Amino acid sequence: MSEIHFGVEEAPEGGYIAKAVNEDIFTEADNIPGLHASVRDAVHCHFDEGKSPGLIHLHFLREEGIAGKA
């Protein structure tokens, strides 16, 4: 596997939650630099040595509701 994708959302209590697409990897952190470290660590722990992807994509998702009528 050459790359892996994560969907990242803001956690209701603060910080960020990252979930891998097509893999059972989940991690969280209080800030973006912490999330980068946490995701790297989770990926390296999930895959056997030498099998982890060389590229990790983080897709930041944000939900926003707006009124249907102005």
N, C-alpha and C. Protein backbone atom coordinates (compact mmCIF):
# COMPACT_ATOMS: atom_id res chain seq x y z
N MET A 1 0.85 -1.18 0.00
CA MET A 1 0.00 0.00 0.00
C MET A 1 0.89 1.24 0.00
N SER A 2 0.65 2.13 -0.93
CA SER A 2 1.51 3.30 -1.04
C SER A 2 0.95 4.53 -0.32
N GLU A 3 -0.38 4.55 -0.09
CA GLU A 3 -0.96 5.69 0.61
C GLU A 3 -2.22 5.28 1.35
N ILE A 4 -2.59 6.10 2.34
CA ILE A 4 -3.78 5.85 3.15
C ILE A 4 -4.49 7.19 3.35
N HIS A 5 -5.81 7.14 3.45
CA HIS A 5 -6.62 8.35 3.60
C HIS A 5 -7.37 8.31 4.94
N PHE A 6 -7.42 9.46 5.59
CA PHE A 6 -8.16 9.62 6.84
C PHE A 6 -9.17 10.74 6.68
N GLY A 7 -10.36 10.55 7.23
CA GLY A 7 -11.33 11.62 7.38
C GLY A 7 -11.13 12.21 8.77
N VAL A 8 -11.02 13.51 8.86
CA VAL A 8 -10.77 14.18 10.14
C VAL A 8 -11.93 15.11 10.45
N GLU A 9 -12.44 14.99 11.67
CA GLU A 9 -13.53 15.85 12.13
C GLU A 9 -13.15 16.48 13.45
N GLU A 10 -13.74 17.63 13.73
CA GLU A 10 -13.57 18.24 15.05
C GLU A 10 -14.38 17.43 16.05
N ALA A 11 -13.79 17.12 17.18
CA ALA A 11 -14.49 16.38 18.23
C ALA A 11 -15.41 17.33 18.99
N PRO A 12 -16.59 16.86 19.40
CA PRO A 12 -17.54 17.72 20.13
C PRO A 12 -16.93 18.34 21.40
N GLU A 13 -16.04 17.61 22.05
CA GLU A 13 -15.43 18.09 23.29
C GLU A 13 -14.13 18.86 23.04
N GLY A 14 -13.80 19.07 21.78
CA GLY A 14 -12.57 19.77 21.40
C GLY A 14 -11.55 18.80 20.83
N GLY A 15 -10.65 19.31 20.05
CA GLY A 15 -9.65 18.47 19.42
C GLY A 15 -10.15 17.88 18.12
N TYR A 16 -9.49 16.81 17.67
CA TYR A 16 -9.79 16.21 16.38
C TYR A 16 -9.85 14.70 16.47
N ILE A 17 -10.69 14.10 15.63
CA ILE A 17 -10.83 12.65 15.52
C ILE A 17 -10.50 12.28 14.07
N ALA A 18 -9.65 11.28 13.90
CA ALA A 18 -9.27 10.82 12.56
C ALA A 18 -9.63 9.35 12.40
N LYS A 19 -10.32 9.03 11.29
CA LYS A 19 -10.72 7.66 10.98
C LYS A 19 -10.21 7.32 9.59
N ALA A 20 -9.52 6.19 9.49
CA ALA A 20 -8.99 5.77 8.19
C ALA A 20 -10.11 5.25 7.31
N VAL A 21 -9.95 5.46 6.02
CA VAL A 21 -10.87 4.92 5.02
C VAL A 21 -10.31 3.56 4.61
N ASN A 22 -11.13 2.52 4.66
CA ASN A 22 -10.78 1.15 4.26
C ASN A 22 -9.80 0.44 5.19
N GLU A 23 -9.55 0.99 6.36
CA GLU A 23 -8.72 0.32 7.38
C GLU A 23 -9.35 0.60 8.73
N ASP A 24 -9.13 -0.27 9.69
CA ASP A 24 -9.66 -0.08 11.03
C ASP A 24 -8.66 0.68 11.88
N ILE A 25 -8.47 1.95 11.57
CA ILE A 25 -7.55 2.80 12.31
C ILE A 25 -8.32 4.04 12.75
N PHE A 26 -8.22 4.35 14.03
CA PHE A 26 -8.92 5.48 14.63
C PHE A 26 -7.96 6.13 15.63
N THR A 27 -7.87 7.44 15.62
CA THR A 27 -7.04 8.12 16.60
C THR A 27 -7.58 9.52 16.84
N GLU A 28 -7.08 10.18 17.85
CA GLU A 28 -7.54 11.53 18.17
C GLU A 28 -6.40 12.33 18.80
N ALA A 29 -6.56 13.64 18.78
CA ALA A 29 -5.55 14.52 19.37
C ALA A 29 -6.19 15.87 19.68
N ASP A 30 -5.50 16.66 20.51
CA ASP A 30 -6.00 17.97 20.91
C ASP A 30 -5.77 19.07 19.88
N ASN A 31 -4.75 18.89 19.03
CA ASN A 31 -4.41 19.93 18.06
C ASN A 31 -3.87 19.29 16.78
N ILE A 32 -3.64 20.10 15.75
CA ILE A 32 -3.20 19.58 14.46
C ILE A 32 -1.81 18.94 14.54
N PRO A 33 -0.82 19.58 15.15
CA PRO A 33 0.49 18.91 15.25
C PRO A 33 0.41 17.58 16.01
N GLY A 34 -0.40 17.55 17.05
CA GLY A 34 -0.59 16.31 17.81
C GLY A 34 -1.29 15.26 16.97
N LEU A 35 -2.23 15.69 16.12
CA LEU A 35 -2.94 14.77 15.24
C LEU A 35 -1.98 14.15 14.22
N HIS A 36 -1.11 14.97 13.67
CA HIS A 36 -0.11 14.44 12.72
C HIS A 36 0.71 13.33 13.37
N ALA A 37 1.20 13.57 14.58
CA ALA A 37 2.00 12.57 15.29
C ALA A 37 1.17 11.34 15.63
N SER A 38 -0.06 11.55 16.07
CA SER A 38 -0.93 10.45 16.46
C SER A 38 -1.30 9.57 15.26
N VAL A 39 -1.58 10.19 14.13
CA VAL A 39 -1.93 9.44 12.92
C VAL A 39 -0.72 8.63 12.45
N ARG A 40 0.44 9.26 12.42
CA ARG A 40 1.66 8.52 12.01
C ARG A 40 1.88 7.31 12.90
N ASP A 41 1.77 7.52 14.21
CA ASP A 41 1.98 6.43 15.16
C ASP A 41 0.96 5.32 14.96
N ALA A 42 -0.31 5.68 14.77
CA ALA A 42 -1.36 4.68 14.58
C ALA A 42 -1.13 3.88 13.31
N VAL A 43 -0.73 4.55 12.24
CA VAL A 43 -0.47 3.85 10.97
C VAL A 43 0.70 2.89 11.12
N HIS A 44 1.78 3.35 11.74
CA HIS A 44 2.95 2.49 11.90
C HIS A 44 2.67 1.29 12.81
N CYS A 45 1.80 1.48 13.81
CA CYS A 45 1.43 0.36 14.69
C CYS A 45 0.50 -0.63 13.98
N HIS A 46 -0.31 -0.16 13.07
CA HIS A 46 -1.31 -0.99 12.40
C HIS A 46 -0.69 -1.95 11.37
N PHE A 47 0.31 -1.48 10.68
CA PHE A 47 0.92 -2.28 9.61
C PHE A 47 2.20 -2.96 10.08
N ASP A 48 2.50 -4.10 9.48
CA ASP A 48 3.75 -4.79 9.77
C ASP A 48 4.93 -3.92 9.32
N GLU A 49 6.09 -4.17 9.91
CA GLU A 49 7.28 -3.40 9.58
C GLU A 49 7.56 -3.46 8.08
N GLY A 50 7.80 -2.31 7.49
CA GLY A 50 8.07 -2.23 6.06
C GLY A 50 6.84 -2.24 5.18
N LYS A 51 5.64 -2.39 5.75
CA LYS A 51 4.40 -2.46 4.97
C LYS A 51 3.54 -1.20 5.08
N SER A 52 3.93 -0.24 5.94
CA SER A 52 3.09 0.94 6.12
C SER A 52 3.18 1.86 4.90
N PRO A 53 2.11 2.59 4.62
CA PRO A 53 2.07 3.47 3.45
C PRO A 53 3.10 4.59 3.56
N GLY A 54 3.59 5.02 2.43
CA GLY A 54 4.56 6.11 2.39
C GLY A 54 3.92 7.49 2.46
N LEU A 55 2.61 7.56 2.20
CA LEU A 55 1.92 8.84 2.19
C LEU A 55 0.60 8.72 2.94
N ILE A 56 0.36 9.68 3.83
CA ILE A 56 -0.88 9.72 4.62
C ILE A 56 -1.62 10.99 4.22
N HIS A 57 -2.87 10.83 3.78
CA HIS A 57 -3.72 11.97 3.42
C HIS A 57 -4.71 12.22 4.55
N LEU A 58 -4.83 13.47 4.97
CA LEU A 58 -5.83 13.87 5.96
C LEU A 58 -6.85 14.75 5.25
N HIS A 59 -8.11 14.32 5.25
CA HIS A 59 -9.20 15.08 4.64
C HIS A 59 -10.04 15.67 5.77
N PHE A 60 -9.98 16.97 5.92
CA PHE A 60 -10.71 17.63 6.99
C PHE A 60 -12.15 17.86 6.57
N LEU A 61 -13.07 17.31 7.37
CA LEU A 61 -14.50 17.37 7.09
C LEU A 61 -15.16 18.33 8.08
N ARG A 62 -16.05 19.14 7.58
CA ARG A 62 -16.75 20.06 8.46
C ARG A 62 -18.20 20.11 8.05
N GLU A 63 -19.08 19.96 8.99
CA GLU A 63 -20.50 20.04 8.72
C GLU A 63 -20.99 21.42 9.14
N GLU A 64 -21.79 22.01 8.28
CA GLU A 64 -22.34 23.32 8.56
C GLU A 64 -23.78 23.37 8.08
N GLY A 65 -24.68 23.76 8.95
CA GLY A 65 -26.08 23.88 8.58
C GLY A 65 -26.44 25.34 8.33
N ILE A 66 -27.27 25.57 7.31
CA ILE A 66 -27.75 26.92 7.01
C ILE A 66 -29.26 26.89 6.81
N ALA A 67 -29.90 28.01 7.00
CA ALA A 67 -31.34 28.09 6.82
C ALA A 67 -31.69 27.91 5.34
N GLY A 68 -32.80 27.20 5.08
CA GLY A 68 -33.23 26.99 3.70
C GLY A 68 -33.78 28.26 3.06
N LYS A 69 -34.31 29.15 3.87
CA LYS A 69 -34.83 30.42 3.36
C LYS A 69 -34.12 31.56 4.06
N ALA A 70 -33.80 32.57 3.30
CA ALA A 70 -33.08 33.73 3.87
C ALA A 70 -34.03 34.67 4.58
